[in-house]
């Protein structure tokens, strides 16, 4: 998992995240986020798996992503 806390003007691009417990990508208390061309996957039987989790975060753009959680 990759987690950002209190971060601003973040670009996450061209990565693959696979089989992370709970959240694959999490933003908390952040702003100015771009998530682009990201592939996220986990097994079908994974309990409580979030692809992208946003909490207290604003100005988020998610584009050209494949999320299978």
N, C-alpha and C. Protein backbone atom coordinates (compact mmCIF):
# COMPACT_ATOMS: atom_id res chain seq x y z
N UNK A 1 0.84 -1.20 0.00
CA UNK A 1 0.00 0.00 0.00
C UNK A 1 0.88 1.25 0.00
N UNK A 2 0.36 2.27 -0.65
CA UNK A 2 1.01 3.58 -0.63
C UNK A 2 0.05 4.55 0.02
N UNK A 3 0.51 5.27 1.04
CA UNK A 3 -0.36 6.18 1.78
C UNK A 3 0.27 7.57 1.84
N UNK A 4 -0.58 8.58 1.62
CA UNK A 4 -0.16 9.97 1.69
C UNK A 4 -0.98 10.67 2.76
N UNK A 5 -0.33 11.34 3.71
CA UNK A 5 -1.00 12.08 4.77
C UNK A 5 -0.57 13.54 4.71
N UNK A 6 -1.54 14.46 4.66
CA UNK A 6 -1.22 15.88 4.65
C UNK A 6 -0.32 16.27 3.49
N UNK A 7 -0.54 15.66 2.34
CA UNK A 7 0.30 15.91 1.17
C UNK A 7 -0.46 16.75 0.15
N UNK A 8 0.28 17.51 -0.65
CA UNK A 8 -0.35 18.41 -1.62
C UNK A 8 0.39 18.34 -2.95
N UNK A 9 -0.39 18.47 -4.04
CA UNK A 9 0.15 18.46 -5.40
C UNK A 9 0.93 17.18 -5.69
N UNK A 10 0.22 16.06 -5.60
CA UNK A 10 0.80 14.73 -5.78
C UNK A 10 0.38 14.14 -7.13
N UNK A 11 1.31 13.54 -7.84
CA UNK A 11 1.00 12.79 -9.06
C UNK A 11 1.45 11.35 -8.84
N UNK A 12 0.50 10.42 -9.00
CA UNK A 12 0.80 8.98 -8.97
C UNK A 12 0.48 8.48 -10.37
N UNK A 13 1.49 7.99 -11.09
CA UNK A 13 1.30 7.68 -12.51
C UNK A 13 2.11 6.46 -12.92
N UNK A 14 1.50 5.67 -13.82
CA UNK A 14 2.19 4.53 -14.46
C UNK A 14 2.76 3.52 -13.47
N UNK A 15 1.96 3.11 -12.49
CA UNK A 15 2.40 2.06 -11.56
C UNK A 15 1.34 0.97 -11.48
N UNK A 16 1.75 -0.19 -10.98
CA UNK A 16 0.84 -1.30 -10.71
C UNK A 16 0.92 -1.64 -9.23
N UNK A 17 -0.24 -1.74 -8.59
CA UNK A 17 -0.33 -2.14 -7.19
C UNK A 17 -1.15 -3.42 -7.14
N UNK A 18 -0.63 -4.44 -6.44
CA UNK A 18 -1.28 -5.74 -6.47
C UNK A 18 -1.30 -6.36 -5.09
N UNK A 19 -2.48 -6.89 -4.70
CA UNK A 19 -2.67 -7.69 -3.50
C UNK A 19 -2.31 -6.98 -2.20
N UNK A 20 -2.55 -5.70 -2.10
CA UNK A 20 -2.31 -4.98 -0.84
C UNK A 20 -3.46 -5.24 0.13
N UNK A 21 -3.17 -5.43 1.41
CA UNK A 21 -4.25 -5.57 2.39
C UNK A 21 -4.91 -4.21 2.63
N UNK A 22 -6.19 -4.19 2.81
CA UNK A 22 -7.00 -2.99 3.07
C UNK A 22 -6.96 -2.02 1.90
N UNK A 23 -6.10 -1.03 1.90
CA UNK A 23 -6.05 -0.01 0.83
C UNK A 23 -4.82 -0.19 -0.04
N UNK A 24 -5.00 -0.06 -1.33
CA UNK A 24 -3.84 -0.06 -2.24
C UNK A 24 -3.22 1.33 -2.29
N UNK A 25 -4.08 2.35 -2.37
CA UNK A 25 -3.63 3.73 -2.49
C UNK A 25 -4.53 4.58 -1.61
N UNK A 26 -3.95 5.29 -0.64
CA UNK A 26 -4.76 6.06 0.31
C UNK A 26 -4.25 7.49 0.41
N UNK A 27 -5.20 8.43 0.39
CA UNK A 27 -4.90 9.84 0.58
C UNK A 27 -5.72 10.34 1.75
N UNK A 28 -5.08 10.96 2.73
CA UNK A 28 -5.78 11.47 3.91
C UNK A 28 -5.30 12.89 4.19
N UNK A 29 -6.24 13.84 4.27
CA UNK A 29 -5.90 15.22 4.55
C UNK A 29 -5.02 15.84 3.48
N UNK A 30 -5.28 15.46 2.24
CA UNK A 30 -4.43 15.90 1.13
C UNK A 30 -5.24 16.68 0.11
N UNK A 31 -4.55 17.31 -0.85
CA UNK A 31 -5.23 18.05 -1.92
C UNK A 31 -4.35 18.11 -3.16
N UNK A 32 -5.00 18.39 -4.30
CA UNK A 32 -4.27 18.49 -5.56
C UNK A 32 -3.69 17.17 -5.99
N UNK A 33 -4.55 16.15 -6.11
CA UNK A 33 -4.11 14.78 -6.39
C UNK A 33 -4.44 14.40 -7.83
N UNK A 34 -3.48 13.83 -8.54
CA UNK A 34 -3.71 13.24 -9.86
C UNK A 34 -3.25 11.79 -9.81
N UNK A 35 -4.17 10.88 -10.12
CA UNK A 35 -3.86 9.45 -10.23
C UNK A 35 -4.12 9.08 -11.69
N UNK A 36 -3.08 8.68 -12.42
CA UNK A 36 -3.21 8.46 -13.85
C UNK A 36 -2.50 7.17 -14.28
N UNK A 37 -3.17 6.40 -15.12
CA UNK A 37 -2.59 5.17 -15.69
C UNK A 37 -2.07 4.22 -14.62
N UNK A 38 -2.88 4.05 -13.58
CA UNK A 38 -2.54 3.16 -12.48
C UNK A 38 -3.38 1.89 -12.60
N UNK A 39 -2.77 0.75 -12.37
CA UNK A 39 -3.47 -0.54 -12.39
C UNK A 39 -3.46 -1.10 -10.97
N UNK A 40 -4.65 -1.41 -10.46
CA UNK A 40 -4.79 -1.93 -9.10
C UNK A 40 -5.58 -3.23 -9.16
N UNK A 41 -5.06 -4.29 -8.50
CA UNK A 41 -5.79 -5.56 -8.51
C UNK A 41 -5.57 -6.32 -7.21
N UNK A 42 -6.57 -7.13 -6.89
CA UNK A 42 -6.50 -8.03 -5.74
C UNK A 42 -7.41 -9.22 -6.03
N UNK A 43 -7.21 -10.34 -5.34
CA UNK A 43 -8.05 -11.52 -5.58
C UNK A 43 -9.52 -11.22 -5.27
N UNK A 44 -10.41 -11.91 -5.96
CA UNK A 44 -11.84 -11.71 -5.76
C UNK A 44 -12.28 -11.96 -4.33
N UNK A 45 -11.63 -12.86 -3.62
CA UNK A 45 -12.05 -13.22 -2.26
C UNK A 45 -11.38 -12.38 -1.17
N UNK A 46 -10.69 -11.30 -1.54
CA UNK A 46 -10.05 -10.44 -0.54
C UNK A 46 -11.11 -9.67 0.24
N UNK A 47 -11.11 -9.76 1.56
CA UNK A 47 -12.10 -9.02 2.35
C UNK A 47 -11.69 -7.56 2.51
N UNK A 48 -12.64 -6.65 2.40
CA UNK A 48 -12.44 -5.23 2.70
C UNK A 48 -11.21 -4.64 2.01
N UNK A 49 -11.13 -4.79 0.72
CA UNK A 49 -10.00 -4.26 -0.03
C UNK A 49 -10.45 -3.03 -0.83
N UNK A 50 -9.87 -1.87 -0.52
CA UNK A 50 -10.16 -0.64 -1.26
C UNK A 50 -9.09 -0.45 -2.33
N UNK A 51 -9.50 -0.06 -3.51
CA UNK A 51 -8.54 0.28 -4.54
C UNK A 51 -7.88 1.61 -4.22
N UNK A 52 -8.71 2.67 -4.22
CA UNK A 52 -8.25 4.01 -3.86
C UNK A 52 -9.15 4.52 -2.75
N UNK A 53 -8.57 4.87 -1.63
CA UNK A 53 -9.33 5.35 -0.47
C UNK A 53 -9.03 6.83 -0.26
N UNK A 54 -10.08 7.65 -0.25
CA UNK A 54 -9.94 9.09 -0.05
C UNK A 54 -10.59 9.49 1.26
N UNK A 55 -9.86 10.21 2.10
CA UNK A 55 -10.39 10.66 3.38
C UNK A 55 -9.93 12.09 3.62
N UNK A 56 -10.88 12.99 3.86
CA UNK A 56 -10.55 14.41 4.10
C UNK A 56 -9.63 14.96 3.01
N UNK A 57 -9.91 14.61 1.78
CA UNK A 57 -9.05 14.98 0.65
C UNK A 57 -9.88 15.67 -0.42
N UNK A 58 -9.31 16.69 -1.08
CA UNK A 58 -10.05 17.44 -2.10
C UNK A 58 -9.19 17.65 -3.34
N UNK A 59 -9.86 18.09 -4.42
CA UNK A 59 -9.20 18.34 -5.70
C UNK A 59 -8.47 17.09 -6.21
N UNK A 60 -9.26 16.04 -6.45
CA UNK A 60 -8.72 14.74 -6.88
C UNK A 60 -9.17 14.45 -8.31
N UNK A 61 -8.24 14.03 -9.14
CA UNK A 61 -8.55 13.59 -10.50
C UNK A 61 -7.99 12.19 -10.69
N UNK A 62 -8.88 11.27 -11.13
CA UNK A 62 -8.48 9.89 -11.40
C UNK A 62 -8.79 9.62 -12.86
N UNK A 63 -7.77 9.25 -13.65
CA UNK A 63 -7.98 9.06 -15.09
C UNK A 63 -7.22 7.84 -15.60
N UNK A 64 -7.81 7.18 -16.59
CA UNK A 64 -7.17 6.06 -17.29
C UNK A 64 -6.61 4.99 -16.35
N UNK A 65 -7.40 4.62 -15.34
CA UNK A 65 -6.97 3.61 -14.37
C UNK A 65 -7.79 2.34 -14.53
N UNK A 66 -7.20 1.22 -14.17
CA UNK A 66 -7.91 -0.06 -14.10
C UNK A 66 -7.88 -0.51 -12.65
N UNK A 67 -9.07 -0.63 -12.06
CA UNK A 67 -9.17 -0.99 -10.64
C UNK A 67 -10.04 -2.25 -10.53
N UNK A 68 -9.46 -3.33 -10.07
CA UNK A 68 -10.17 -4.60 -9.93
C UNK A 68 -9.94 -5.13 -8.52
N UNK A 69 -10.78 -4.69 -7.60
CA UNK A 69 -10.66 -5.09 -6.20
C UNK A 69 -11.96 -5.68 -5.71
